[in-house]
Amino acid sequence: MNTQTAENVELETVERTQMVQKYEALQRLKDNKDFQVVFLEGYLKEKAINSVSLLGTEYIVHNNLRSQLMEELVAISRFEGYMAMIDNLGAPELVYDDEE
């Protein structure tokens, strides 16, 4: 194995280890009732639904506040996407049994 390949393998191992640590931390957060109430239910669901509901109101339209609401929705989406990325990249690798 050449030096460049060995360095790449080591870097991938470090990155994987860090992602696994983030995955484990995220799982602990998801099990935490306060995190569930504030973020999973409050921010990712209720805040998103409320913002979508406001998009078509006269007040929001007449006061040109739609772009602000859209930015809030984008932030919610990015946060949810970040957690999904951690779930996907940090989850334990599946081991398949070839003997079956």
N, C-alpha and C. Protein backbone atom coordinates (compact mmCIF):
# COMPACT_ATOMS: atom_id res chain seq x y z
N MET A 1 0.86 -1.17 0.00
CA MET A 1 0.00 0.00 0.00
C MET A 1 0.90 1.23 0.00
N ASN A 2 0.66 2.14 -0.95
CA ASN A 2 1.51 3.33 -0.99
C ASN A 2 1.09 4.32 0.09
N THR A 3 1.93 5.36 0.29
CA THR A 3 1.71 6.33 1.36
C THR A 3 0.39 7.07 1.19
N GLN A 4 0.08 7.49 -0.04
CA GLN A 4 -1.16 8.22 -0.31
C GLN A 4 -2.38 7.38 0.02
N THR A 5 -2.37 6.12 -0.36
CA THR A 5 -3.49 5.23 -0.07
C THR A 5 -3.63 5.02 1.43
N ALA A 6 -2.53 4.83 2.12
CA ALA A 6 -2.57 4.63 3.58
C ALA A 6 -3.12 5.87 4.27
N GLU A 7 -2.74 7.06 3.80
CA GLU A 7 -3.25 8.30 4.37
C GLU A 7 -4.75 8.43 4.12
N ASN A 8 -5.20 8.04 2.93
CA ASN A 8 -6.62 8.10 2.61
C ASN A 8 -7.43 7.15 3.49
N VAL A 9 -6.91 5.96 3.71
CA VAL A 9 -7.59 4.98 4.56
C VAL A 9 -7.67 5.50 5.98
N GLU A 10 -6.57 6.07 6.46
CA GLU A 10 -6.56 6.61 7.82
C GLU A 10 -7.56 7.77 7.96
N LEU A 11 -7.61 8.65 6.96
CA LEU A 11 -8.54 9.77 6.97
C LEU A 11 -9.98 9.28 6.95
N GLU A 12 -10.27 8.27 6.12
CA GLU A 12 -11.62 7.71 6.06
C GLU A 12 -12.00 7.07 7.39
N THR A 13 -11.04 6.43 8.04
CA THR A 13 -11.29 5.80 9.33
C THR A 13 -11.61 6.85 10.38
N VAL A 14 -10.86 7.95 10.40
CA VAL A 14 -11.10 9.04 11.35
C VAL A 14 -12.47 9.67 11.08
N GLU A 15 -12.78 9.93 9.81
CA GLU A 15 -14.06 10.52 9.46
C GLU A 15 -15.21 9.60 9.86
N ARG A 16 -15.06 8.32 9.63
CA ARG A 16 -16.09 7.34 9.99
C ARG A 16 -16.28 7.31 11.50
N THR A 17 -15.18 7.33 12.24
CA THR A 17 -15.25 7.31 13.69
C THR A 17 -16.00 8.54 14.21
N GLN A 18 -15.69 9.70 13.64
CA GLN A 18 -16.37 10.93 14.05
C GLN A 18 -17.86 10.87 13.72
N MET A 19 -18.20 10.33 12.57
CA MET A 19 -19.61 10.23 12.18
C MET A 19 -20.35 9.25 13.08
N VAL A 20 -19.71 8.17 13.45
CA VAL A 20 -20.32 7.20 14.37
C VAL A 20 -20.56 7.86 15.73
N GLN A 21 -19.62 8.66 16.19
CA GLN A 21 -19.80 9.38 17.45
C GLN A 21 -20.98 10.34 17.37
N LYS A 22 -21.11 11.04 16.26
CA LYS A 22 -22.25 11.95 16.07
C LYS A 22 -23.56 11.15 16.01
N TYR A 23 -23.54 10.01 15.34
CA TYR A 23 -24.72 9.16 15.25
C TYR A 23 -25.16 8.72 16.64
N GLU A 24 -24.22 8.26 17.44
CA GLU A 24 -24.54 7.80 18.79
C GLU A 24 -25.08 8.94 19.64
N ALA A 25 -24.48 10.13 19.51
CA ALA A 25 -24.96 11.30 20.25
C ALA A 25 -26.37 11.68 19.80
N LEU A 26 -26.62 11.62 18.50
CA LEU A 26 -27.95 11.95 17.98
C LEU A 26 -28.99 10.96 18.48
N GLN A 27 -28.63 9.69 18.57
CA GLN A 27 -29.58 8.69 19.07
C GLN A 27 -29.92 8.99 20.53
N ARG A 28 -28.92 9.40 21.32
CA ARG A 28 -29.19 9.77 22.71
C ARG A 28 -30.11 10.98 22.78
N LEU A 29 -29.87 11.95 21.90
CA LEU A 29 -30.74 13.12 21.87
C LEU A 29 -32.17 12.73 21.51
N LYS A 30 -32.32 11.88 20.51
CA LYS A 30 -33.66 11.47 20.09
C LYS A 30 -34.41 10.73 21.19
N ASP A 31 -33.69 10.09 22.09
CA ASP A 31 -34.32 9.40 23.22
C ASP A 31 -34.67 10.36 24.36
N ASN A 32 -34.13 11.56 24.33
CA ASN A 32 -34.34 12.54 25.37
C ASN A 32 -35.70 13.22 25.17
N LYS A 33 -36.56 13.16 26.18
CA LYS A 33 -37.92 13.71 26.09
C LYS A 33 -37.90 15.22 25.79
N ASP A 34 -36.98 15.95 26.39
CA ASP A 34 -36.91 17.39 26.15
C ASP A 34 -36.56 17.69 24.69
N PHE A 35 -35.61 16.94 24.15
CA PHE A 35 -35.24 17.12 22.74
C PHE A 35 -36.43 16.79 21.85
N GLN A 36 -37.15 15.75 22.20
CA GLN A 36 -38.33 15.38 21.41
C GLN A 36 -39.36 16.50 21.41
N VAL A 37 -39.62 17.07 22.58
CA VAL A 37 -40.64 18.12 22.70
C VAL A 37 -40.20 19.39 21.98
N VAL A 38 -38.98 19.83 22.23
CA VAL A 38 -38.53 21.11 21.69
C VAL A 38 -38.18 21.04 20.22
N PHE A 39 -37.44 20.03 19.80
CA PHE A 39 -36.94 20.00 18.43
C PHE A 39 -37.74 19.09 17.50
N LEU A 40 -37.89 17.83 17.87
CA LEU A 40 -38.55 16.90 16.95
C LEU A 40 -40.02 17.25 16.76
N GLU A 41 -40.71 17.56 17.84
CA GLU A 41 -42.13 17.91 17.72
C GLU A 41 -42.31 19.42 17.51
N GLY A 42 -41.67 20.21 18.36
CA GLY A 42 -41.88 21.66 18.33
C GLY A 42 -41.34 22.34 17.08
N TYR A 43 -40.08 22.11 16.77
CA TYR A 43 -39.45 22.82 15.66
C TYR A 43 -39.69 22.14 14.32
N LEU A 44 -39.38 20.86 14.25
CA LEU A 44 -39.45 20.18 12.95
C LEU A 44 -40.88 19.91 12.48
N LYS A 45 -41.82 19.85 13.39
CA LYS A 45 -43.20 19.57 12.98
C LYS A 45 -44.09 20.80 13.16
N GLU A 46 -44.28 21.22 14.41
CA GLU A 46 -45.24 22.30 14.68
C GLU A 46 -44.83 23.61 14.01
N LYS A 47 -43.57 24.00 14.15
CA LYS A 47 -43.10 25.25 13.55
C LYS A 47 -43.23 25.19 12.04
N ALA A 48 -42.90 24.06 11.44
CA ALA A 48 -43.02 23.91 9.99
C ALA A 48 -44.47 24.04 9.55
N ILE A 49 -45.36 23.35 10.24
CA ILE A 49 -46.79 23.41 9.89
C ILE A 49 -47.32 24.83 10.05
N ASN A 50 -46.97 25.49 11.15
CA ASN A 50 -47.43 26.86 11.37
C ASN A 50 -46.92 27.81 10.29
N SER A 51 -45.67 27.67 9.91
CA SER A 51 -45.10 28.54 8.88
C SER A 51 -45.78 28.33 7.54
N VAL A 52 -46.01 27.08 7.19
CA VAL A 52 -46.71 26.78 5.93
C VAL A 52 -48.12 27.36 5.96
N SER A 53 -48.78 27.23 7.10
CA SER A 53 -50.15 27.74 7.23
C SER A 53 -50.22 29.25 7.05
N LEU A 54 -49.17 29.95 7.45
CA LEU A 54 -49.16 31.41 7.36
C LEU A 54 -48.85 31.93 5.96
N LEU A 55 -48.24 31.11 5.12
CA LEU A 55 -47.80 31.58 3.80
C LEU A 55 -48.91 32.25 2.98
N GLY A 56 -50.11 31.77 3.07
CA GLY A 56 -51.19 32.30 2.24
C GLY A 56 -52.05 33.36 2.90
N THR A 57 -51.72 33.74 4.13
CA THR A 57 -52.57 34.73 4.80
C THR A 57 -52.36 36.11 4.20
N GLU A 58 -53.42 36.91 4.25
CA GLU A 58 -53.35 38.26 3.68
C GLU A 58 -52.28 39.10 4.33
N TYR A 59 -52.18 39.01 5.64
CA TYR A 59 -51.19 39.81 6.36
C TYR A 59 -49.78 39.52 5.85
N ILE A 60 -49.45 38.27 5.73
CA ILE A 60 -48.10 37.86 5.28
C ILE A 60 -47.86 38.32 3.84
N VAL A 61 -48.85 38.13 2.98
CA VAL A 61 -48.72 38.51 1.58
C VAL A 61 -48.58 40.03 1.44
N HIS A 62 -49.45 40.79 2.08
CA HIS A 62 -49.46 42.25 1.95
C HIS A 62 -48.24 42.91 2.58
N ASN A 63 -47.64 42.25 3.55
CA ASN A 63 -46.47 42.82 4.21
C ASN A 63 -45.16 42.21 3.71
N ASN A 64 -45.25 41.50 2.59
CA ASN A 64 -44.06 40.90 1.97
C ASN A 64 -43.22 40.08 2.95
N LEU A 65 -43.87 39.23 3.70
CA LEU A 65 -43.18 38.40 4.69
C LEU A 65 -43.03 36.95 4.25
N ARG A 66 -43.46 36.66 3.04
CA ARG A 66 -43.37 35.27 2.56
C ARG A 66 -41.93 34.78 2.48
N SER A 67 -41.03 35.63 2.02
CA SER A 67 -39.63 35.20 1.89
C SER A 67 -39.03 34.88 3.25
N GLN A 68 -39.42 35.62 4.28
CA GLN A 68 -38.95 35.33 5.63
C GLN A 68 -39.45 33.97 6.09
N LEU A 69 -40.71 33.68 5.84
CA LEU A 69 -41.26 32.38 6.20
C LEU A 69 -40.59 31.26 5.41
N MET A 70 -40.31 31.51 4.14
CA MET A 70 -39.64 30.50 3.33
C MET A 70 -38.24 30.21 3.86
N GLU A 71 -37.54 31.24 4.29
CA GLU A 71 -36.20 31.05 4.86
C GLU A 71 -36.28 30.22 6.14
N GLU A 72 -37.31 30.44 6.94
CA GLU A 72 -37.50 29.64 8.15
C GLU A 72 -37.73 28.17 7.78
N LEU A 73 -38.52 27.95 6.74
CA LEU A 73 -38.77 26.58 6.29
C LEU A 73 -37.51 25.92 5.74
N VAL A 74 -36.69 26.71 5.05
CA VAL A 74 -35.42 26.18 4.54
C VAL A 74 -34.52 25.79 5.71
N ALA A 75 -34.49 26.61 6.75
CA ALA A 75 -33.67 26.29 7.93
C ALA A 75 -34.14 25.00 8.58
N ILE A 76 -35.44 24.84 8.69
CA ILE A 76 -35.99 23.61 9.26
C ILE A 76 -35.58 22.41 8.41
N SER A 77 -35.69 22.57 7.11
CA SER A 77 -35.33 21.49 6.19
C SER A 77 -33.85 21.13 6.29
N ARG A 78 -33.01 22.12 6.39
CA ARG A 78 -31.56 21.86 6.49
C ARG A 78 -31.21 21.15 7.79
N PHE A 79 -31.84 21.56 8.87
CA PHE A 79 -31.60 20.91 10.16
C PHE A 79 -32.03 19.45 10.11
N GLU A 80 -33.20 19.21 9.54
CA GLU A 80 -33.68 17.84 9.41
C GLU A 80 -32.78 17.04 8.47
N GLY A 81 -32.31 17.67 7.41
CA GLY A 81 -31.39 17.01 6.48
C GLY A 81 -30.06 16.66 7.12
N TYR A 82 -29.58 17.54 7.99
CA TYR A 82 -28.32 17.28 8.70
C TYR A 82 -28.46 16.07 9.61
N MET A 83 -29.57 16.00 10.32
CA MET A 83 -29.80 14.83 11.18
C MET A 83 -29.95 13.56 10.34
N ALA A 84 -30.59 13.64 9.20
CA ALA A 84 -30.74 12.47 8.32
C ALA A 84 -29.39 12.01 7.80
N MET A 85 -28.52 12.98 7.48
CA MET A 85 -27.18 12.62 7.00
C MET A 85 -26.41 11.88 8.08
N ILE A 86 -26.50 12.36 9.32
CA ILE A 86 -25.83 11.67 10.42
C ILE A 86 -26.39 10.27 10.59
N ASP A 87 -27.72 10.14 10.52
CA ASP A 87 -28.35 8.81 10.62
C ASP A 87 -27.86 7.88 9.52
N ASN A 88 -27.75 8.39 8.31
CA ASN A 88 -27.35 7.56 7.17
C ASN A 88 -25.87 7.20 7.18
N LEU A 89 -25.02 8.17 7.48
CA LEU A 89 -23.58 7.94 7.39
C LEU A 89 -22.96 7.39 8.67
N GLY A 90 -23.65 7.57 9.79
CA GLY A 90 -23.08 7.13 11.06
C GLY A 90 -23.65 5.83 11.58
N ALA A 91 -24.72 5.37 10.97
CA ALA A 91 -25.36 4.14 11.43
C ALA A 91 -24.40 2.96 11.32
N PRO A 92 -24.57 2.00 12.20
CA PRO A 92 -23.71 0.82 12.13
C PRO A 92 -23.81 0.16 10.75
N GLU A 93 -22.69 -0.29 10.28
CA GLU A 93 -22.68 -0.95 8.97
C GLU A 93 -23.37 -2.30 9.07
N LEU A 94 -24.17 -2.60 8.09
CA LEU A 94 -24.86 -3.89 8.06
C LEU A 94 -23.88 -4.97 7.65
N VAL A 95 -23.91 -6.05 8.37
CA VAL A 95 -23.05 -7.19 8.06
C VAL A 95 -23.96 -8.30 7.56
N TYR A 96 -23.70 -8.75 6.35
CA TYR A 96 -24.51 -9.80 5.75
C TYR A 96 -23.81 -11.14 5.93
N ASP A 97 -24.58 -12.12 6.31
CA ASP A 97 -24.05 -13.45 6.50
C ASP A 97 -24.15 -14.18 5.16
N ASP A 98 -23.03 -14.49 4.55
CA ASP A 98 -23.00 -15.15 3.24
C ASP A 98 -23.40 -16.62 3.32
N GLU A 99 -23.49 -17.16 4.51
CA GLU A 99 -23.78 -18.58 4.65
C GLU A 99 -25.25 -18.91 4.44
N GLU A 100 -26.13 -17.93 4.43
CA GLU A 100 -27.54 -18.21 4.28
C GLU A 100 -27.94 -18.48 2.85
